[in-house]
Amino acid sequence: MSQTESRHDEQSLNFKNYSDMTNADKIRAAEIMYGTGSRQHEAAIKKFSR
């Protein structure tokens, strides 16, 4: 599984440890928490899309 693939469907991000999350998971979490296109979501895309 690449870092751009999410291991989870739509709204289910169930992690006990931040280090278990892929970069795509972190972007998706920001999208869920702050909304699609929000400042935080855009910052997560920029930070984790390397």
PDB file of N, CA and C in Angstrom:
ATOM      1  N   MET A   1       0.847  -1.183   0.000  1.00  0.00           N
ATOM      2  CA  MET A   1       0.000   0.000   0.000  1.00  0.00           C
ATOM      3  C   MET A   1       0.890   1.243   0.000  1.00  0.00           C
ATOM      4  N   SER A   2       0.635   2.146  -0.921  1.00  0.00           N
ATOM      5  CA  SER A   2       1.441   3.358  -0.996  1.00  0.00           C
ATOM      6  C   SER A   2       0.948   4.382   0.020  1.00  0.00           C
ATOM      7  N   GLN A   3       1.747   5.411   0.217  1.00  0.00           N
ATOM      8  CA  GLN A   3       1.358   6.432   1.187  1.00  0.00           C
ATOM      9  C   GLN A   3       0.205   7.287   0.683  1.00  0.00           C
ATOM     10  N   THR A   4      -0.081   7.236  -0.615  1.00  0.00           N
ATOM     11  CA  THR A   4      -1.191   8.025  -1.131  1.00  0.00           C
ATOM     12  C   THR A   4      -2.516   7.291  -1.028  1.00  0.00           C
ATOM     13  N   GLU A   5      -2.482   6.012  -0.690  1.00  0.00           N
ATOM     14  CA  GLU A   5      -3.709   5.243  -0.511  1.00  0.00           C
ATOM     15  C   GLU A   5      -4.164   5.336   0.940  1.00  0.00           C
ATOM     16  N   SER A   6      -5.425   5.420   1.123  1.00  0.00           N
ATOM     17  CA  SER A   6      -5.970   5.400   2.475  1.00  0.00           C
ATOM     18  C   SER A   6      -6.385   3.983   2.826  1.00  0.00           C
ATOM     19  N   ARG A   7      -6.087   3.576   4.042  1.00  0.00           N
ATOM     20  CA  ARG A   7      -6.462   2.243   4.497  1.00  0.00           C
ATOM     21  C   ARG A   7      -7.895   2.207   5.001  1.00  0.00           C
ATOM     22  N   HIS A   8      -8.567   3.323   4.939  1.00  0.00           N
ATOM     23  CA  HIS A   8      -9.875   3.426   5.570  1.00  0.00           C
ATOM     24  C   HIS A   8     -10.897   4.004   4.612  1.00  0.00           C
ATOM     25  N   ASP A   9     -12.143   3.734   4.889  1.00  0.00           N
ATOM     26  CA  ASP A   9     -13.225   4.281   4.084  1.00  0.00           C
ATOM     27  C   ASP A   9     -13.691   5.607   4.669  1.00  0.00           C
ATOM     28  N   GLU A  10     -14.393   6.352   3.873  1.00  0.00           N
ATOM     29  CA  GLU A  10     -15.012   7.630   4.192  1.00  0.00           C
ATOM     30  C   GLU A  10     -14.675   8.228   5.557  1.00  0.00           C
ATOM     31  N   GLN A  11     -15.557   8.114   6.525  1.00  0.00           N
ATOM     32  CA  GLN A  11     -15.426   8.818   7.798  1.00  0.00           C
ATOM     33  C   GLN A  11     -14.787   7.999   8.911  1.00  0.00           C
ATOM     34  N   SER A  12     -14.155   6.883   8.611  1.00  0.00           N
ATOM     35  CA  SER A  12     -13.633   6.052   9.698  1.00  0.00           C
ATOM     36  C   SER A  12     -12.115   6.109   9.774  1.00  0.00           C
ATOM     37  N   LEU A  13     -11.623   6.901  10.677  1.00  0.00           N
ATOM     38  CA  LEU A  13     -10.196   6.937  10.971  1.00  0.00           C
ATOM     39  C   LEU A  13     -10.055   6.542  12.433  1.00  0.00           C
ATOM     40  N   ASN A  14      -9.671   5.328  12.666  1.00  0.00           N
ATOM     41  CA  ASN A  14      -9.565   4.813  14.029  1.00  0.00           C
ATOM     42  C   ASN A  14      -8.127   4.406  14.314  1.00  0.00           C
ATOM     43  N   PHE A  15      -7.371   5.337  14.879  1.00  0.00           N
ATOM     44  CA  PHE A  15      -5.973   5.091  15.194  1.00  0.00           C
ATOM     45  C   PHE A  15      -5.737   5.351  16.659  1.00  0.00           C
ATOM     46  N   LYS A  16      -4.839   4.585  17.237  1.00  0.00           N
ATOM     47  CA  LYS A  16      -4.437   4.829  18.611  1.00  0.00           C
ATOM     48  C   LYS A  16      -3.122   5.592  18.655  1.00  0.00           C
ATOM     49  N   ASN A  17      -2.418   5.620  17.527  1.00  0.00           N
ATOM     50  CA  ASN A  17      -1.107   6.232  17.499  1.00  0.00           C
ATOM     51  C   ASN A  17      -0.934   7.012  16.196  1.00  0.00           C
ATOM     52  N   TYR A  18      -0.583   8.286  16.319  1.00  0.00           N
ATOM     53  CA  TYR A  18      -0.379   9.157  15.160  1.00  0.00           C
ATOM     54  C   TYR A  18       0.653   8.576  14.196  1.00  0.00           C
ATOM     55  N   SER A  19       1.672   7.906  14.719  1.00  0.00           N
ATOM     56  CA  SER A  19       2.728   7.360  13.859  1.00  0.00           C
ATOM     57  C   SER A  19       2.244   6.192  13.007  1.00  0.00           C
ATOM     58  N   ASP A  20       1.073   5.620  13.323  1.00  0.00           N
ATOM     59  CA  ASP A  20       0.495   4.551  12.507  1.00  0.00           C
ATOM     60  C   ASP A  20      -0.195   5.085  11.257  1.00  0.00           C
ATOM     61  N   MET A  21      -0.406   6.387  11.192  1.00  0.00           N
ATOM     62  CA  MET A  21      -1.141   6.979  10.078  1.00  0.00           C
ATOM     63  C   MET A  21      -0.227   7.228   8.880  1.00  0.00           C
ATOM     64  N   THR A  22      -0.745   6.954   7.686  1.00  0.00           N
ATOM     65  CA  THR A  22      -0.016   7.309   6.466  1.00  0.00           C
ATOM     66  C   THR A  22      -0.232   8.799   6.218  1.00  0.00           C
ATOM     67  N   ASN A  23       0.525   9.364   5.282  1.00  0.00           N
ATOM     68  CA  ASN A  23       0.325  10.769   4.938  1.00  0.00           C
ATOM     69  C   ASN A  23      -1.094  11.011   4.425  1.00  0.00           C
ATOM     70  N   ALA A  24      -1.622  10.079   3.645  1.00  0.00           N
ATOM     71  CA  ALA A  24      -2.997  10.213   3.142  1.00  0.00           C
ATOM     72  C   ALA A  24      -3.998  10.200   4.294  1.00  0.00           C
ATOM     73  N   ASP A  25      -3.737   9.392   5.315  1.00  0.00           N
ATOM     74  CA  ASP A  25      -4.612   9.358   6.491  1.00  0.00           C
ATOM     75  C   ASP A  25      -4.602  10.707   7.208  1.00  0.00           C
ATOM     76  N   LYS A  26      -3.440  11.325   7.312  1.00  0.00           N
ATOM     77  CA  LYS A  26      -3.317  12.617   7.991  1.00  0.00           C
ATOM     78  C   LYS A  26      -4.069  13.703   7.229  1.00  0.00           C
ATOM     79  N   ILE A  27      -3.974  13.673   5.902  1.00  0.00           N
ATOM     80  CA  ILE A  27      -4.714  14.628   5.077  1.00  0.00           C
ATOM     81  C   ILE A  27      -6.211  14.412   5.252  1.00  0.00           C
ATOM     82  N   ARG A  28      -6.638  13.176   5.219  1.00  0.00           N
ATOM     83  CA  ARG A  28      -8.059  12.838   5.374  1.00  0.00           C
ATOM     84  C   ARG A  28      -8.568  13.248   6.753  1.00  0.00           C
ATOM     85  N   ALA A  29      -7.754  13.059   7.779  1.00  0.00           N
ATOM     86  CA  ALA A  29      -8.153  13.467   9.131  1.00  0.00           C
ATOM     87  C   ALA A  29      -8.376  14.976   9.194  1.00  0.00           C
ATOM     88  N   ALA A  30      -7.480  15.745   8.585  1.00  0.00           N
ATOM     89  CA  ALA A  30      -7.643  17.200   8.559  1.00  0.00           C
ATOM     90  C   ALA A  30      -8.909  17.582   7.799  1.00  0.00           C
ATOM     91  N   GLU A  31      -9.184  16.868   6.716  1.00  0.00           N
ATOM     92  CA  GLU A  31     -10.395  17.129   5.938  1.00  0.00           C
ATOM     93  C   GLU A  31     -11.647  16.864   6.772  1.00  0.00           C
ATOM     94  N   ILE A  32     -11.651  15.765   7.512  1.00  0.00           N
ATOM     95  CA  ILE A  32     -12.805  15.419   8.350  1.00  0.00           C
ATOM     96  C   ILE A  32     -12.970  16.421   9.494  1.00  0.00           C
ATOM     97  N   MET A  33     -11.857  16.775  10.147  1.00  0.00           N
ATOM     98  CA  MET A  33     -11.934  17.654  11.314  1.00  0.00           C
ATOM     99  C   MET A  33     -12.271  19.095  10.954  1.00  0.00           C
ATOM    100  N   TYR A  34     -11.686  19.609   9.856  1.00  0.00           N
ATOM    101  CA  TYR A  34     -11.794  21.032   9.555  1.00  0.00           C
ATOM    102  C   TYR A  34     -12.617  21.361   8.318  1.00  0.00           C
ATOM    103  N   GLY A  35     -12.941  20.352   7.505  1.00  0.00           N
ATOM    104  CA  GLY A  35     -13.740  20.586   6.305  1.00  0.00           C
ATOM    105  C   GLY A  35     -12.888  20.628   5.052  1.00  0.00           C
ATOM    106  N   THR A  36     -13.463  20.132   3.977  1.00  0.00           N
ATOM    107  CA  THR A  36     -12.775  20.106   2.693  1.00  0.00           C
ATOM    108  C   THR A  36     -12.477  21.533   2.243  1.00  0.00           C
ATOM    109  N   GLY A  37     -11.233  21.779   1.871  1.00  0.00           N
ATOM    110  CA  GLY A  37     -10.836  23.090   1.378  1.00  0.00           C
ATOM    111  C   GLY A  37     -10.534  24.111   2.454  1.00  0.00           C
ATOM    112  N   SER A  38     -10.638  23.721   3.722  1.00  0.00           N
ATOM    113  CA  SER A  38     -10.335  24.657   4.806  1.00  0.00           C
ATOM    114  C   SER A  38      -8.839  24.977   4.810  1.00  0.00           C
ATOM    115  N   ARG A  39      -8.487  26.017   5.532  1.00  0.00           N
ATOM    116  CA  ARG A  39      -7.082  26.414   5.636  1.00  0.00           C
ATOM    117  C   ARG A  39      -6.231  25.266   6.175  1.00  0.00           C
ATOM    118  N   GLN A  40      -6.733  24.568   7.188  1.00  0.00           N
ATOM    119  CA  GLN A  40      -6.000  23.460   7.789  1.00  0.00           C
ATOM    120  C   GLN A  40      -5.885  22.278   6.832  1.00  0.00           C
ATOM    121  N   HIS A  41      -6.947  22.013   6.081  1.00  0.00           N
ATOM    122  CA  HIS A  41      -6.929  20.921   5.110  1.00  0.00           C
ATOM    123  C   HIS A  41      -5.908  21.220   4.012  1.00  0.00           C
ATOM    124  N   GLU A  42      -5.910  22.442   3.504  1.00  0.00           N
ATOM    125  CA  GLU A  42      -4.946  22.836   2.471  1.00  0.00           C
ATOM    126  C   GLU A  42      -3.510  22.749   3.000  1.00  0.00           C
ATOM    127  N   ALA A  43      -3.298  23.134   4.258  1.00  0.00           N
ATOM    128  CA  ALA A  43      -1.964  23.048   4.860  1.00  0.00           C
ATOM    129  C   ALA A  43      -1.519  21.595   4.984  1.00  0.00           C
ATOM    130  N   ALA A  44      -2.435  20.710   5.344  1.00  0.00           N
ATOM    131  CA  ALA A  44      -2.111  19.280   5.447  1.00  0.00           C
ATOM    132  C   ALA A  44      -1.747  18.714   4.081  1.00  0.00           C
ATOM    133  N   ILE A  45      -2.489  19.107   3.047  1.00  0.00           N
ATOM    134  CA  ILE A  45      -2.176  18.651   1.687  1.00  0.00           C
ATOM    135  C   ILE A  45      -0.767  19.091   1.310  1.00  0.00           C
ATOM    136  N   LYS A  46      -0.457  20.350   1.578  1.00  0.00           N
ATOM    137  CA  LYS A  46       0.870  20.879   1.244  1.00  0.00           C
ATOM    138  C   LYS A  46       1.968  20.155   2.030  1.00  0.00           C
ATOM    139  N   LYS A  47       1.735  19.919   3.311  1.00  0.00           N
ATOM    140  CA  LYS A  47       2.745  19.300   4.171  1.00  0.00           C
ATOM    141  C   LYS A  47       2.950  17.820   3.877  1.00  0.00           C
ATOM    142  N   PHE A  48       1.866  17.076   3.643  1.00  0.00           N
ATOM    143  CA  PHE A  48       1.964  15.623   3.548  1.00  0.00           C
ATOM    144  C   PHE A  48       1.928  15.071   2.126  1.00  0.00           C
ATOM    145  N   SER A  49       1.878  15.933   1.114  1.00  0.00           N
ATOM    146  CA  SER A  49       1.844  15.456  -0.276  1.00  0.00           C
ATOM    147  C   SER A  49       3.227  15.443  -0.915  1.00  0.00           C
ATOM    148  N   ARG A  50       4.241  15.375  -0.136  1.00  0.00           N
ATOM    149  CA  ARG A  50       5.613  15.394  -0.664  1.00  0.00           C
ATOM    150  C   ARG A  50       5.987  14.069  -1.224  1.00  0.00           C
TER     151      ARG A  50
END
